Amino acid sequence: MADHTRRDQRLLLLKLGLAAVGLAIFAVLLMRGADLREWIDAGLEVLRAAGPTTYFLAMAILPACGMPMAIFILPAVPLFGEQLGINTVVLLALLAVTFNLCFAYALARRGLRPLLRAIVTRLGYKLPEVASGDATDLVVLLRVTPGIPFVVQNFLAGLAEVPFARYFVVSAIIVWPLNTAFLLFGDALIQGKGKTALITLSAVVALMTVLHLVRKHYDRRRKST
């Protein structure tokens, strides 16, 4: 238990250190007159040139290899909203997210199970053991516990052999609304729509608050049993 706590503390310190370095670099660039808006526009243009097919295929597959889903979610609407329509982009993004959570689950459940078990254990995550009656609780806790990367959530559910139907339904209920809010927030933020950004950020905060309350409920229930 003590080793696990120390490992969590080291991981937190590492994340804080990386964040501090990133902020310092960002501050130095701004002080030297770097045009952040120009950088963002250039980056978006490179991604837009790849086309929506390549983009959403990458979004469906690469997060299962460890790439953060957020780097695909946030710029998706600014990249292709004008070309495809916002509703279509949101739909394609949710389809990509859904494929990814199914793909990662399948890798952990069958294809790469021994390798992924070793990797997840080495990263310091305890492999869950779950009875069929507790499968829903496990998926909910994985989805609402902060700090667990999306790919690790999916791998842990697959390694625990959570029934797929239950995994899919519970994941969709949590993941779809949250990612929709982030898609709209990313569009408003990148395009400088202050009022819309505030509204969508409020929606994200509200959803995160609900997830926090759900987690507290499960924690209390677990301690009472």
Protein backbone atom coordinates (compact mmCIF):
# COMPACT_ATOMS: atom_id res chain seq x y z
CA MET A 1 0.00 0.00 0.00
CA ALA A 2 2.81 2.39 0.93
CA ASP A 3 4.67 1.54 -2.29
CA HIS A 4 1.54 2.24 -4.30
CA THR A 5 1.07 5.60 -2.56
CA ARG A 6 4.68 6.60 -3.18
CA ARG A 7 4.36 5.60 -6.82
CA ASP A 8 1.23 7.75 -7.18
CA GLN A 9 3.05 10.67 -5.55
CA ARG A 10 6.02 10.31 -7.91
CA LEU A 11 3.68 10.14 -10.89
CA LEU A 12 1.87 13.27 -9.73
CA LEU A 13 5.16 15.12 -9.23
CA LEU A 14 6.28 14.05 -12.71
CA LYS A 15 3.06 15.36 -14.26
CA LEU A 16 3.33 18.62 -12.36
CA GLY A 17 6.96 18.99 -13.42
CA LEU A 18 6.13 18.40 -17.08
CA ALA A 19 3.25 20.86 -16.86
CA ALA A 20 5.54 23.47 -15.29
CA VAL A 21 8.15 22.99 -18.02
CA GLY A 22 5.48 23.28 -20.70
CA LEU A 23 4.09 26.48 -19.18
CA ALA A 24 7.59 27.94 -18.88
CA ILE A 25 8.35 27.23 -22.55
CA PHE A 26 4.98 28.70 -23.52
CA ALA A 27 5.64 31.86 -21.47
CA VAL A 28 9.10 32.33 -23.00
CA LEU A 29 7.72 32.00 -26.52
CA LEU A 30 5.01 34.55 -25.81
CA MET A 31 7.51 37.00 -24.34
CA ARG A 32 9.64 36.66 -27.47
CA GLY A 33 6.70 37.67 -29.63
CA ALA A 34 5.60 34.26 -30.88
CA ASP A 35 2.28 34.47 -32.71
CA LEU A 36 0.24 31.72 -31.07
CA ARG A 37 -2.72 32.25 -33.37
CA GLU A 38 -0.48 31.82 -36.41
CA TRP A 39 0.94 28.58 -34.98
CA ILE A 40 -2.53 27.22 -34.31
CA ASP A 41 -3.72 28.11 -37.81
CA ALA A 42 -0.65 26.48 -39.37
CA GLY A 43 -1.15 23.32 -37.36
CA LEU A 44 -4.82 23.15 -38.26
CA GLU A 45 -3.98 23.62 -41.93
CA VAL A 46 -1.60 20.65 -41.87
CA LEU A 47 -4.27 18.45 -40.27
CA ARG A 48 -6.98 19.74 -42.61
CA ALA A 49 -4.84 18.87 -45.63
CA ALA A 50 -4.79 15.22 -44.50
CA GLY A 51 -8.54 15.13 -45.05
CA PRO A 52 -11.40 13.92 -42.85
CA THR A 53 -11.04 10.25 -43.82
CA THR A 54 -7.42 10.07 -42.66
CA TYR A 55 -8.16 12.17 -39.59
CA PHE A 56 -11.08 10.13 -38.28
CA LEU A 57 -9.39 6.81 -39.09
CA ALA A 58 -6.38 7.96 -37.06
CA MET A 59 -8.75 9.05 -34.30
CA ALA A 60 -10.36 5.61 -34.29
CA ILE A 61 -7.09 3.68 -34.06
CA LEU A 62 -4.17 5.67 -32.64
CA PRO A 63 -5.55 6.29 -29.12
CA ALA A 64 -5.48 2.50 -28.64
CA CYS A 65 -1.69 2.85 -29.08
CA GLY A 66 -1.50 5.44 -26.29
CA MET A 67 -2.05 8.71 -28.16
CA PRO A 68 -4.35 10.99 -26.11
CA MET A 69 -7.89 11.15 -27.47
CA ALA A 70 -8.11 14.84 -26.53
CA ILE A 71 -5.68 15.89 -29.29
CA PHE A 72 -8.20 14.58 -31.82
CA ILE A 73 -11.36 15.75 -30.05
CA LEU A 74 -10.55 19.41 -29.49
CA PRO A 75 -9.64 20.46 -33.08
CA ALA A 76 -12.11 18.19 -34.91
CA VAL A 77 -14.92 20.71 -35.41
CA PRO A 78 -12.66 23.66 -36.35
CA LEU A 79 -10.93 21.41 -38.88
CA PHE A 80 -13.92 19.97 -40.70
CA GLY A 81 -17.05 21.72 -39.38
CA GLU A 82 -17.26 24.07 -42.35
CA GLN A 83 -16.64 21.29 -44.86
CA LEU A 84 -18.88 18.59 -43.39
CA GLY A 85 -21.16 20.43 -40.99
CA ILE A 86 -20.86 20.43 -37.21
CA ASN A 87 -23.42 17.65 -36.69
CA THR A 88 -21.60 15.37 -39.12
CA VAL A 89 -18.23 16.04 -37.46
CA VAL A 90 -19.66 15.30 -34.02
CA LEU A 91 -21.19 12.08 -35.32
CA LEU A 92 -17.95 10.96 -37.01
CA ALA A 93 -15.94 11.81 -33.90
CA LEU A 94 -18.27 9.81 -31.65
CA LEU A 95 -18.10 6.89 -34.08
CA ALA A 96 -14.29 7.06 -33.94
CA VAL A 97 -14.32 7.18 -30.13
CA THR A 98 -16.76 4.26 -30.03
CA PHE A 99 -14.65 2.18 -32.41
CA ASN A 100 -11.57 2.96 -30.35
CA LEU A 101 -13.07 1.88 -27.04
CA CYS A 102 -14.26 -1.36 -28.68
CA PHE A 103 -10.90 -1.92 -30.41
CA ALA A 104 -8.86 -1.40 -27.25
CA TYR A 105 -11.20 -3.66 -25.29
CA ALA A 106 -10.81 -6.41 -27.92
CA LEU A 107 -7.01 -6.12 -27.81
CA ALA A 108 -7.02 -6.50 -24.03
CA ARG A 109 -9.62 -9.26 -23.99
CA ARG A 110 -8.10 -11.39 -26.72
CA GLY A 111 -5.42 -10.21 -29.15
CA LEU A 112 -2.65 -8.78 -26.98
CA ARG A 113 -3.77 -9.86 -23.53
CA PRO A 114 -0.41 -11.14 -22.10
CA LEU A 115 1.54 -8.14 -23.39
CA LEU A 116 -1.03 -5.60 -22.21
CA ARG A 117 -1.30 -7.28 -18.81
CA ALA A 118 2.45 -6.86 -18.36
CA ILE A 119 2.44 -3.24 -19.56
CA VAL A 120 -0.51 -2.18 -17.39
CA THR A 121 1.03 -3.86 -14.35
CA ARG A 122 4.36 -2.16 -15.00
CA LEU A 123 2.62 1.22 -15.22
CA GLY A 124 1.42 0.67 -11.66
CA TYR A 125 -2.23 -0.13 -12.33
CA LYS A 126 -3.71 -3.04 -10.41
CA LEU A 127 -5.48 -5.51 -12.65
CA PRO A 128 -9.11 -5.61 -11.49
CA GLU A 129 -10.86 -8.83 -10.57
CA VAL A 130 -14.58 -8.52 -11.01
CA ALA A 131 -17.58 -10.78 -10.54
CA SER A 132 -20.28 -10.51 -13.18
CA GLY A 133 -22.56 -8.66 -10.76
CA ASP A 134 -19.91 -5.98 -10.18
CA ALA A 135 -19.03 -5.39 -13.84
CA THR A 136 -21.18 -2.28 -14.16
CA ASP A 137 -19.61 -0.76 -11.04
CA LEU A 138 -16.11 -1.38 -12.41
CA VAL A 139 -16.82 0.29 -15.76
CA VAL A 140 -18.43 3.28 -14.05
CA LEU A 141 -15.47 3.68 -11.69
CA LEU A 142 -12.98 3.44 -14.56
CA ARG A 143 -14.85 6.11 -16.53
CA VAL A 144 -15.37 8.56 -13.66
CA THR A 145 -12.06 8.23 -11.80
CA PRO A 146 -9.80 11.17 -12.80
CA GLY A 147 -6.26 10.54 -13.97
CA ILE A 148 -6.80 7.20 -15.72
CA PRO A 149 -6.01 7.63 -19.45
CA PHE A 150 -8.78 6.62 -21.85
CA VAL A 151 -6.74 3.78 -23.33
CA VAL A 152 -5.96 2.38 -19.86
CA GLN A 153 -9.65 2.50 -18.93
CA ASN A 154 -10.44 0.39 -22.00
CA PHE A 155 -7.56 -2.02 -21.43
CA LEU A 156 -8.45 -2.58 -17.77
CA ALA A 157 -12.06 -3.36 -18.64
CA GLY A 158 -10.91 -5.86 -21.27
CA LEU A 159 -8.34 -7.45 -18.97
CA ALA A 160 -11.02 -7.79 -16.27
CA GLU A 161 -13.21 -9.57 -18.85
CA VAL A 162 -16.17 -7.30 -18.27
CA PRO A 163 -19.06 -8.55 -20.47
CA PHE A 164 -18.89 -6.57 -23.69
CA ALA A 165 -22.55 -5.51 -23.84
CA ARG A 166 -22.41 -4.03 -20.35
CA TYR A 167 -19.04 -2.39 -21.04
CA PHE A 168 -20.34 -0.83 -24.24
CA VAL A 169 -23.63 0.50 -22.85
CA VAL A 170 -22.14 2.00 -19.67
CA SER A 171 -19.20 3.48 -21.57
CA ALA A 172 -21.47 5.04 -24.18
CA ILE A 173 -23.70 6.65 -21.54
CA ILE A 174 -20.66 8.35 -20.00
CA VAL A 175 -18.31 8.89 -22.95
CA TRP A 176 -20.69 10.21 -25.61
CA PRO A 177 -22.06 13.27 -23.75
CA LEU A 178 -18.66 14.20 -22.34
CA ASN A 179 -16.91 14.02 -25.70
CA THR A 180 -19.72 15.94 -27.40
CA ALA A 181 -19.22 18.76 -24.89
CA PHE A 182 -15.46 18.72 -25.49
CA LEU A 183 -15.95 18.77 -29.28
CA LEU A 184 -18.08 21.91 -29.06
CA PHE A 185 -15.77 23.48 -26.47
CA GLY A 186 -12.74 22.86 -28.69
CA ASP A 187 -14.48 24.55 -31.61
CA ALA A 188 -15.41 27.61 -29.56
CA LEU A 189 -11.98 27.86 -27.93
CA ILE A 190 -9.88 27.53 -31.08
CA GLN A 191 -12.08 29.88 -33.11
CA GLY A 192 -12.20 32.49 -30.34
CA LYS A 193 -15.96 32.32 -29.71
CA GLY A 194 -15.83 33.58 -26.14
CA LYS A 195 -19.52 33.29 -25.22
CA THR A 196 -19.91 29.87 -26.80
CA ALA A 197 -16.67 28.70 -25.16
CA LEU A 198 -18.04 29.75 -21.77
CA ILE A 199 -21.32 27.93 -22.35
CA THR A 200 -19.67 24.73 -23.56
CA LEU A 201 -17.09 24.90 -20.76
CA SER A 202 -19.97 25.16 -18.30
CA ALA A 203 -21.45 22.02 -19.85
CA VAL A 204 -18.12 20.21 -19.48
CA VAL A 205 -17.85 21.32 -15.83
CA ALA A 206 -21.43 20.21 -15.15
CA LEU A 207 -20.77 16.78 -16.64
CA MET A 208 -17.52 16.44 -14.70
CA THR A 209 -19.37 17.40 -11.51
CA VAL A 210 -21.95 14.70 -12.15
CA LEU A 211 -19.18 12.16 -12.71
CA HIS A 212 -17.51 13.28 -9.48
CA LEU A 213 -20.76 12.78 -7.57
CA VAL A 214 -21.18 9.35 -9.13
CA ARG A 215 -17.66 8.42 -8.07
CA LYS A 216 -18.30 9.60 -4.49
CA HIS A 217 -21.49 7.53 -4.42
CA TYR A 218 -19.60 4.41 -5.50
CA ASP A 219 -16.83 5.11 -3.01
CA ARG A 220 -19.34 5.38 -0.15
CA ARG A 221 -21.12 2.24 -1.26
CA ARG A 222 -17.85 0.34 -1.51
CA LYS A 223 -16.79 1.40 1.99
CA SER A 224 -20.13 0.38 3.45
CA THR A 225 -19.87 -3.16 2.10
